[in-house]
Amino acid sequence: MSESAVSEYRTRIYSSYYSAHMKTLYGDVSIEDIKRQFDSWEYYYGHCLPDDKEVEIIEIGCGNGGFVYWLNEKGYKNVRGIDVSPEQVEVANKLGIKNVFRADLREILIKEENKFHLIFARDVLEHFRKEEVLDTLQTINNALTKGGFFVLQTPNGVSPFSGRHRYKDFTHEVVFTRDSLNQVLQTTGFRDVEYYSTPPVPKGPVSVIRYILWKSIETALRFYLAAETGFYSEIFTQNIIAKAKK
């Protein structure tokens, strides 16, 4: 596929990304819907946040801006979000979420080298083709301050249901495992990479039961892997989170 054809397909898909995809999956979003995700975000990402509330933070591919709103509510003063979809940015603006802008992440980050202490990319990297991934990661690395952190979430190719996440979005191009993530992150200058699973968050009776059931399934999967390969250390959740240092 030529570069012009790729650009045309992406422009067409992202121009209706909310109405043709996100709204179909989750319905119209409200501030209350976003607030209900705060506990989960705290569980998955709270340990990644710095003590200093003045540092520069950006979320690339921020969607409706809910995560930016959460960071603002936690007291971080210099947070912004960018997304390539005009519909997603319009939703954020209608919700009253500040500092969310329409932009291509590479165009913005190239202009802001050594700017950010923390860059989030949740469900972003899988939207790039293989030949684009390394350049995108290098651009992200260059935009971080020395000792800054990059935190990403992406579908996990080791999950028994990896195909569910890989193919639920037409714009997904690649899928990663912990090993392949480590490969591309190390290649683009990141270090001290840590990986985390995304199990059910135990915050109520139903979710506690889900969490217990998941841990049982995870244990069984570890036994399966150990029996076949002799190794058992693996992440099996449908998503995987990585935190990498510049």
C-alpha atoms as a PDB file:
ATOM      1  CA  MET A   1       0.000   0.000   0.000  1.00  0.00           C
ATOM      2  CA  SER A   2       1.414   3.396  -0.962  1.00  0.00           C
ATOM      3  CA  GLU A   3       1.976   6.136   1.615  1.00  0.00           C
ATOM      4  CA  SER A   4      -0.792   8.225   0.061  1.00  0.00           C
ATOM      5  CA  ALA A   5      -3.221   5.294   0.251  1.00  0.00           C
ATOM      6  CA  VAL A   6      -2.310   4.691   3.906  1.00  0.00           C
ATOM      7  CA  SER A   7      -2.815   8.369   4.693  1.00  0.00           C
ATOM      8  CA  GLU A   8      -6.185   8.399   2.916  1.00  0.00           C
ATOM      9  CA  TYR A   9      -7.444   5.302   4.733  1.00  0.00           C
ATOM     10  CA  ARG A  10      -6.375   6.646   8.115  1.00  0.00           C
ATOM     11  CA  THR A  11      -7.918  10.051   7.487  1.00  0.00           C
ATOM     12  CA  ARG A  12     -11.199   8.440   6.479  1.00  0.00           C
ATOM     13  CA  ILE A  13     -11.323   6.076   9.471  1.00  0.00           C
ATOM     14  CA  TYR A  14     -10.224   8.613  12.087  1.00  0.00           C
ATOM     15  CA  SER A  15     -12.624  11.277  10.829  1.00  0.00           C
ATOM     16  CA  SER A  16     -15.522   9.138  12.139  1.00  0.00           C
ATOM     17  CA  TYR A  17     -13.638   7.231  14.829  1.00  0.00           C
ATOM     18  CA  TYR A  18     -16.005   8.154  17.645  1.00  0.00           C
ATOM     19  CA  SER A  19     -19.333   7.809  15.838  1.00  0.00           C
ATOM     20  CA  ALA A  20     -18.428   4.657  13.882  1.00  0.00           C
ATOM     21  CA  HIS A  21     -16.384   2.850  16.521  1.00  0.00           C
ATOM     22  CA  MET A  22     -16.123   4.147  20.097  1.00  0.00           C
ATOM     23  CA  LYS A  23     -19.783   5.126  20.397  1.00  0.00           C
ATOM     24  CA  THR A  24     -20.814   1.772  18.933  1.00  0.00           C
ATOM     25  CA  LEU A  25     -18.723  -0.061  21.531  1.00  0.00           C
ATOM     26  CA  TYR A  26     -19.418   2.036  24.624  1.00  0.00           C
ATOM     27  CA  GLY A  27     -22.245   4.476  23.851  1.00  0.00           C
ATOM     28  CA  ASP A  28     -22.127   8.209  24.506  1.00  0.00           C
ATOM     29  CA  VAL A  29     -19.631   9.092  27.211  1.00  0.00           C
ATOM     30  CA  SER A  30     -20.277  11.437  30.145  1.00  0.00           C
ATOM     31  CA  ILE A  31     -18.116  12.884  32.888  1.00  0.00           C
ATOM     32  CA  GLU A  32     -19.708  10.415  35.288  1.00  0.00           C
ATOM     33  CA  ASP A  33     -18.697   7.537  33.009  1.00  0.00           C
ATOM     34  CA  ILE A  34     -15.143   8.850  33.063  1.00  0.00           C
ATOM     35  CA  LYS A  35     -15.110   9.198  36.842  1.00  0.00           C
ATOM     36  CA  ARG A  36     -16.119   5.555  37.176  1.00  0.00           C
ATOM     37  CA  GLN A  37     -12.793   4.655  35.547  1.00  0.00           C
ATOM     38  CA  PHE A  38     -10.704   6.565  38.110  1.00  0.00           C
ATOM     39  CA  ASP A  39     -10.255   3.562  40.430  1.00  0.00           C
ATOM     40  CA  SER A  40      -9.039   1.386  37.567  1.00  0.00           C
ATOM     41  CA  TRP A  41      -6.607   4.014  36.340  1.00  0.00           C
ATOM     42  CA  GLU A  42      -5.274   4.457  39.847  1.00  0.00           C
ATOM     43  CA  TYR A  43      -4.756   0.708  40.110  1.00  0.00           C
ATOM     44  CA  TYR A  44      -3.004   0.394  36.747  1.00  0.00           C
ATOM     45  CA  TYR A  45      -1.131   3.700  36.513  1.00  0.00           C
ATOM     46  CA  GLY A  46      -0.958   5.289  39.956  1.00  0.00           C
ATOM     47  CA  HIS A  47       2.507   3.857  40.600  1.00  0.00           C
ATOM     48  CA  CYS A  48       3.758   5.497  37.387  1.00  0.00           C
ATOM     49  CA  LEU A  49       2.924   9.046  38.485  1.00  0.00           C
ATOM     50  CA  PRO A  50       5.591  11.433  39.825  1.00  0.00           C
ATOM     51  CA  ASP A  51       5.361  13.233  43.161  1.00  0.00           C
ATOM     52  CA  ASP A  52       5.997  16.595  41.500  1.00  0.00           C
ATOM     53  CA  LYS A  53       2.657  17.995  40.294  1.00  0.00           C
ATOM     54  CA  GLU A  54       4.358  20.651  38.161  1.00  0.00           C
ATOM     55  CA  VAL A  55       6.081  18.376  35.623  1.00  0.00           C
ATOM     56  CA  GLU A  56       5.111  18.396  31.956  1.00  0.00           C
ATOM     57  CA  ILE A  57       2.903  15.425  30.997  1.00  0.00           C
ATOM     58  CA  ILE A  58       1.325  14.580  27.659  1.00  0.00           C
ATOM     59  CA  GLU A  59      -1.011  11.778  26.623  1.00  0.00           C
ATOM     60  CA  ILE A  60      -0.772  10.918  22.945  1.00  0.00           C
ATOM     61  CA  GLY A  61      -3.863   9.352  21.433  1.00  0.00           C
ATOM     62  CA  CYS A  62      -5.911  10.705  24.334  1.00  0.00           C
ATOM     63  CA  GLY A  63      -9.323   9.936  22.829  1.00  0.00           C
ATOM     64  CA  ASN A  64     -12.122  11.692  24.694  1.00  0.00           C
ATOM     65  CA  GLY A  65      -9.666  13.192  27.176  1.00  0.00           C
ATOM     66  CA  GLY A  66     -10.859  11.197  30.174  1.00  0.00           C
ATOM     67  CA  PHE A  67      -7.352  10.233  31.280  1.00  0.00           C
ATOM     68  CA  VAL A  68      -6.214  13.869  30.994  1.00  0.00           C
ATOM     69  CA  TYR A  69      -9.185  14.822  33.161  1.00  0.00           C
ATOM     70  CA  TRP A  70      -8.161  12.227  35.766  1.00  0.00           C
ATOM     71  CA  LEU A  71      -4.623  13.594  35.901  1.00  0.00           C
ATOM     72  CA  ASN A  72      -5.989  17.114  36.283  1.00  0.00           C
ATOM     73  CA  GLU A  73      -8.239  15.960  39.104  1.00  0.00           C
ATOM     74  CA  LYS A  74      -5.198  14.453  40.821  1.00  0.00           C
ATOM     75  CA  GLY A  75      -3.589  17.871  40.834  1.00  0.00           C
ATOM     76  CA  TYR A  76      -1.168  17.702  37.908  1.00  0.00           C
ATOM     77  CA  LYS A  77      -1.027  21.216  36.508  1.00  0.00           C
ATOM     78  CA  ASN A  78       0.791  20.808  33.195  1.00  0.00           C
ATOM     79  CA  VAL A  79      -1.084  18.074  31.386  1.00  0.00           C
ATOM     80  CA  ARG A  80      -2.253  18.048  27.819  1.00  0.00           C
ATOM     81  CA  GLY A  81      -3.668  15.472  25.431  1.00  0.00           C
ATOM     82  CA  ILE A  82      -3.543  15.114  21.676  1.00  0.00           C
ATOM     83  CA  ASP A  83      -5.502  12.894  19.322  1.00  0.00           C
ATOM     84  CA  VAL A  84      -5.641  12.611  15.555  1.00  0.00           C
ATOM     85  CA  SER A  85      -9.442  12.113  15.518  1.00  0.00           C
ATOM     86  CA  PRO A  86     -11.420  15.374  15.258  1.00  0.00           C
ATOM     87  CA  GLU A  87     -14.514  13.655  16.658  1.00  0.00           C
ATOM     88  CA  GLN A  88     -12.689  12.474  19.772  1.00  0.00           C
ATOM     89  CA  VAL A  89     -11.338  15.951  20.433  1.00  0.00           C
ATOM     90  CA  GLU A  90     -14.811  17.419  19.898  1.00  0.00           C
ATOM     91  CA  VAL A  91     -16.204  15.027  22.523  1.00  0.00           C
ATOM     92  CA  ALA A  92     -13.519  16.134  24.993  1.00  0.00           C
ATOM     93  CA  ASN A  93     -14.339  19.781  24.343  1.00  0.00           C
ATOM     94  CA  LYS A  94     -18.077  19.182  24.812  1.00  0.00           C
ATOM     95  CA  LEU A  95     -17.332  17.465  28.137  1.00  0.00           C
ATOM     96  CA  GLY A  96     -15.421  20.563  29.223  1.00  0.00           C
ATOM     97  CA  ILE A  97     -12.064  18.772  29.450  1.00  0.00           C
ATOM     98  CA  LYS A  98      -9.283  21.285  28.978  1.00  0.00           C
ATOM     99  CA  ASN A  99      -6.015  21.052  27.073  1.00  0.00           C
ATOM    100  CA  VAL A 100      -7.077  18.409  24.555  1.00  0.00           C
ATOM    101  CA  PHE A 101      -6.072  19.173  20.983  1.00  0.00           C
ATOM    102  CA  ARG A 102      -6.233  17.592  17.540  1.00  0.00           C
ATOM    103  CA  ALA A 103      -2.722  16.793  16.341  1.00  0.00           C
ATOM    104  CA  ASP A 104      -0.482  14.088  14.920  1.00  0.00           C
ATOM    105  CA  LEU A 105       1.808  12.921  17.699  1.00  0.00           C
ATOM    106  CA  ARG A 106       4.916  12.892  15.529  1.00  0.00           C
ATOM    107  CA  GLU A 107       4.400  16.461  14.334  1.00  0.00           C
ATOM    108  CA  ILE A 108       3.967  17.710  17.911  1.00  0.00           C
ATOM    109  CA  LEU A 109       6.728  15.732  19.598  1.00  0.00           C
ATOM    110  CA  ILE A 110       9.362  16.524  16.964  1.00  0.00           C
ATOM    111  CA  LYS A 111       8.944  20.197  17.885  1.00  0.00           C
ATOM    112  CA  GLU A 112       9.208  19.535  21.632  1.00  0.00           C
ATOM    113  CA  GLU A 113      12.431  17.644  22.234  1.00  0.00           C
ATOM    114  CA  ASN A 114      13.453  17.168  25.897  1.00  0.00           C
ATOM    115  CA  LYS A 115      10.111  18.673  26.984  1.00  0.00           C
ATOM    116  CA  PHE A 116       8.120  16.064  28.884  1.00  0.00           C
ATOM    117  CA  HIS A 117       8.830  14.232  32.117  1.00  0.00           C
ATOM    118  CA  LEU A 118       6.087  11.695  31.389  1.00  0.00           C
ATOM    119  CA  ILE A 119       4.444  10.568  28.148  1.00  0.00           C
ATOM    120  CA  PHE A 120       1.427   8.247  28.122  1.00  0.00           C
ATOM    121  CA  ALA A 121       0.359   6.246  25.060  1.00  0.00           C
ATOM    122  CA  ARG A 122      -2.569   4.013  25.933  1.00  0.00           C
ATOM    123  CA  ASP A 123      -3.752   1.867  23.007  1.00  0.00           C
ATOM    124  CA  VAL A 124      -1.674   3.782  20.468  1.00  0.00           C
ATOM    125  CA  LEU A 125       1.402   1.839  19.348  1.00  0.00           C
ATOM    126  CA  GLU A 126      -0.624  -0.954  17.750  1.00  0.00           C
ATOM    127  CA  HIS A 127      -2.048   1.549  15.234  1.00  0.00           C
ATOM    128  CA  PHE A 128       1.320   1.939  13.493  1.00  0.00           C
ATOM    129  CA  ARG A 129       2.792  -0.307  10.849  1.00  0.00           C
ATOM    130  CA  LYS A 130       6.046  -2.114  11.684  1.00  0.00           C
ATOM    131  CA  GLU A 131       8.097   0.289   9.611  1.00  0.00           C
ATOM    132  CA  GLU A 132       6.620   3.204  11.592  1.00  0.00           C
ATOM    133  CA  VAL A 133       6.975   1.826  15.116  1.00  0.00           C
ATOM    134  CA  LEU A 134      10.691   2.474  15.613  1.00  0.00           C
ATOM    135  CA  ASP A 135      10.514   6.029  14.275  1.00  0.00           C
ATOM    136  CA  THR A 136       7.512   6.740  16.520  1.00  0.00           C
ATOM    137  CA  LEU A 137       9.264   5.375  19.606  1.00  0.00           C
ATOM    138  CA  GLN A 138      12.427   7.316  18.797  1.00  0.00           C
ATOM    139  CA  THR A 139      10.382  10.503  18.495  1.00  0.00           C
ATOM    140  CA  ILE A 140       8.800   9.804  21.879  1.00  0.00           C
ATOM    141  CA  ASN A 141      12.211   9.156  23.440  1.00  0.00           C
ATOM    142  CA  ASN A 142      13.565  12.426  22.040  1.00  0.00           C
ATOM    143  CA  ALA A 143      10.623  14.358  23.506  1.00  0.00           C
ATOM    144  CA  LEU A 144      11.333  13.136  27.044  1.00  0.00           C
ATOM    145  CA  THR A 145      13.556  14.940  29.502  1.00  0.00           C
ATOM    146  CA  LYS A 146      16.616  13.052  30.703  1.00  0.00           C
ATOM    147  CA  GLY A 147      15.354  10.463  33.177  1.00  0.00           C
ATOM    148  CA  GLY A 148      11.772  10.929  31.967  1.00  0.00           C
ATOM    149  CA  PHE A 149       9.327   8.043  31.563  1.00  0.00           C
ATOM    150  CA  PHE A 150       7.224   6.592  28.776  1.00  0.00           C
ATOM    151  CA  VAL A 151       4.164   4.563  29.828  1.00  0.00           C
ATOM    152  CA  LEU A 152       2.264   2.591  27.222  1.00  0.00           C
ATOM    153  CA  GLN A 153      -0.585   0.124  27.073  1.00  0.00           C
ATOM    154  CA  THR A 154      -1.107  -2.160  24.097  1.00  0.00           C
ATOM    155  CA  PRO A 155      -2.898  -5.434  23.261  1.00  0.00           C
ATOM    156  CA  ASN A 156      -0.965  -8.458  24.497  1.00  0.00           C
ATOM    157  CA  GLY A 157      -0.144 -11.088  21.884  1.00  0.00           C
ATOM    158  CA  VAL A 158       0.334 -13.768  24.570  1.00  0.00           C
ATOM    159  CA  SER A 159      -3.237 -13.483  25.847  1.00  0.00           C
ATOM    160  CA  PRO A 160      -5.506 -16.415  24.938  1.00  0.00           C
ATOM    161  CA  PHE A 161      -7.863 -13.763  23.536  1.00  0.00           C
ATOM    162  CA  SER A 162      -5.230 -11.694  21.742  1.00  0.00           C
ATOM    163  CA  GLY A 163      -7.208 -11.865  18.524  1.00  0.00           C
ATOM    164  CA  ARG A 164     -10.150 -10.148  20.208  1.00  0.00           C
ATOM    165  CA  HIS A 165      -8.125  -6.988  20.800  1.00  0.00           C
ATOM    166  CA  ARG A 166      -5.996  -7.331  17.674  1.00  0.00           C
ATOM    167  CA  TYR A 167      -8.994  -7.329  15.355  1.00  0.00           C
ATOM    168  CA  LYS A 168     -11.637  -5.322  17.218  1.00  0.00           C
ATOM    169  CA  ASP A 169     -10.312  -2.126  15.616  1.00  0.00           C
ATOM    170  CA  PHE A 170      -9.762  -1.965  11.853  1.00  0.00           C
ATOM    171  CA  THR A 171      -6.852   0.449  12.346  1.00  0.00           C
ATOM    172  CA  HIS A 172      -4.756  -1.998  14.388  1.00  0.00           C
ATOM    173  CA  GLU A 173      -1.614  -2.909  12.450  1.00  0.00           C
ATOM    174  CA  VAL A 174       0.580  -4.916  14.849  1.00  0.00           C
ATOM    175  CA  VAL A 175       0.381  -6.805  18.124  1.00  0.00           C
ATOM    176  CA  PHE A 176       3.107  -7.043  20.758  1.00  0.00           C
ATOM    177  CA  THR A 177       4.288  -9.402  23.458  1.00  0.00           C
ATOM    178  CA  ARG A 178       6.499  -8.465  26.385  1.00  0.00           C
ATOM    179  CA  ASP A 179       9.497  -9.762  24.422  1.00  0.00           C
ATOM    180  CA  SER A 180       8.774  -7.820  21.234  1.00  0.00           C
ATOM    181  CA  LEU A 181       7.978  -4.674  23.222  1.00  0.00           C
ATOM    182  CA  ASN A 182      11.286  -5.015  25.009  1.00  0.00           C
ATOM    183  CA  GLN A 183      13.003  -5.443  21.655  1.00  0.00           C
ATOM    184  CA  VAL A 184      11.650  -2.220  20.122  1.00  0.00           C
ATOM    185  CA  LEU A 185      11.959  -0.175  23.324  1.00  0.00           C
ATOM    186  CA  GLN A 186      15.581  -1.184  23.872  1.00  0.00           C
ATOM    187  CA  THR A 187      16.364  -0.519  20.209  1.00  0.00           C
ATOM    188  CA  THR A 188      15.072   3.061  20.513  1.00  0.00           C
ATOM    189  CA  GLY A 189      17.087   3.933  23.622  1.00  0.00           C
ATOM    190  CA  PHE A 190      14.746   3.136  26.491  1.00  0.00           C
ATOM    191  CA  ARG A 191      16.003   1.343  29.588  1.00  0.00           C
ATOM    192  CA  ASP A 192      14.826  -0.091  32.911  1.00  0.00           C
ATOM    193  CA  VAL A 193      11.620  -1.326  31.292  1.00  0.00           C
ATOM    194  CA  GLU A 194       8.972  -2.721  33.642  1.00  0.00           C
ATOM    195  CA  TYR A 195       5.885  -4.650  32.570  1.00  0.00           C
ATOM    196  CA  TYR A 196       2.479  -4.968  34.212  1.00  0.00           C
ATOM    197  CA  SER A 197      -0.682  -6.953  33.632  1.00  0.00           C
ATOM    198  CA  THR A 198      -4.192  -5.491  33.559  1.00  0.00           C
ATOM    199  CA  PRO A 199      -6.350  -7.900  35.593  1.00  0.00           C
ATOM    200  CA  PRO A 200      -9.856  -7.084  36.884  1.00  0.00           C
ATOM    201  CA  VAL A 201      -9.633  -4.325  39.480  1.00  0.00           C
ATOM    202  CA  PRO A 202     -10.991  -5.553  42.845  1.00  0.00           C
ATOM    203  CA  LYS A 203     -13.157  -2.609  43.894  1.00  0.00           C
ATOM    204  CA  GLY A 204     -16.482  -4.268  44.737  1.00  0.00           C
ATOM    205  CA  PRO A 205     -18.040  -7.717  45.361  1.00  0.00           C
ATOM    206  CA  VAL A 206     -18.477  -8.605  41.670  1.00  0.00           C
ATOM    207  CA  SER A 207     -15.051  -7.364  40.628  1.00  0.00           C
ATOM    208  CA  VAL A 208     -13.434  -9.186  43.582  1.00  0.00           C
ATOM    209  CA  ILE A 209     -15.001 -12.433  42.344  1.00  0.00           C
ATOM    210  CA  ARG A 210     -13.771 -11.657  38.820  1.00  0.00           C
ATOM    211  CA  TYR A 211     -10.293 -10.984  40.196  1.00  0.00           C
ATOM    212  CA  ILE A 212     -10.204 -14.291  42.101  1.00  0.00           C
ATOM    213  CA  LEU A 213     -11.423 -16.207  39.052  1.00  0.00           C
ATOM    214  CA  TRP A 214      -8.841 -14.504  36.866  1.00  0.00           C
ATOM    215  CA  LYS A 215      -5.986 -15.352  39.249  1.00  0.00           C
ATOM    216  CA  SER A 216      -7.076 -18.999  39.128  1.00  0.00           C
ATOM    217  CA  ILE A 217      -7.115 -18.940  35.308  1.00  0.00           C
ATOM    218  CA  GLU A 218      -3.736 -17.179  35.259  1.00  0.00           C
ATOM    219  CA  THR A 219      -2.240 -19.881  37.489  1.00  0.00           C
ATOM    220  CA  ALA A 220      -3.558 -22.590  35.167  1.00  0.00           C
ATOM    221  CA  LEU A 221      -2.055 -20.796  32.156  1.00  0.00           C
ATOM    222  CA  ARG A 222       1.306 -20.610  33.935  1.00  0.00           C
ATOM    223  CA  PHE A 223       1.211 -24.363  34.536  1.00  0.00           C
ATOM    224  CA  TYR A 224       0.354 -24.919  30.863  1.00  0.00           C
ATOM    225  CA  LEU A 225       3.274 -22.755  29.729  1.00  0.00           C
ATOM    226  CA  ALA A 226       5.672 -24.370  32.187  1.00  0.00           C
ATOM    227  CA  ALA A 227       4.654 -27.849  31.036  1.00  0.00           C
ATOM    228  CA  GLU A 228       5.296 -26.996  27.382  1.00  0.00           C
ATOM    229  CA  THR A 229       8.335 -24.703  27.613  1.00  0.00           C
ATOM    230  CA  GLY A 230       9.785 -24.954  31.113  1.00  0.00           C
ATOM    231  CA  PHE A 231       9.085 -21.237  31.639  1.00  0.00           C
ATOM    232  CA  TYR A 232       6.160 -19.792  33.570  1.00  0.00           C
ATOM    233  CA  SER A 233       6.886 -16.064  33.912  1.00  0.00           C
ATOM    234  CA  GLU A 234       4.479 -14.441  31.481  1.00  0.00           C
ATOM    235  CA  ILE A 235       1.671 -11.859  31.294  1.00  0.00           C
ATOM    236  CA  PHE A 236      -1.646 -13.246  30.039  1.00  0.00           C
ATOM    237  CA  THR A 237      -4.103 -10.339  30.325  1.00  0.00           C
ATOM    238  CA  GLN A 238      -5.551  -8.960  27.086  1.00  0.00           C
ATOM    239  CA  ASN A 239      -3.558  -5.744  27.549  1.00  0.00           C
ATOM    240  CA  ILE A 240      -0.014  -5.217  28.749  1.00  0.00           C
ATOM    241  CA  ILE A 241       1.429  -2.052  30.291  1.00  0.00           C
ATOM    242  CA  ALA A 242       5.078  -1.045  29.962  1.00  0.00           C
ATOM    243  CA  LYS A 243       6.943   1.711  31.815  1.00  0.00           C
ATOM    244  CA  ALA A 244      10.294   2.679  30.290  1.00  0.00           C
ATOM    245  CA  LYS A 245      12.914   5.235  31.302  1.00  0.00           C
ATOM    246  CA  LYS A 246      14.869   7.461  28.965  1.00  0.00           C
END
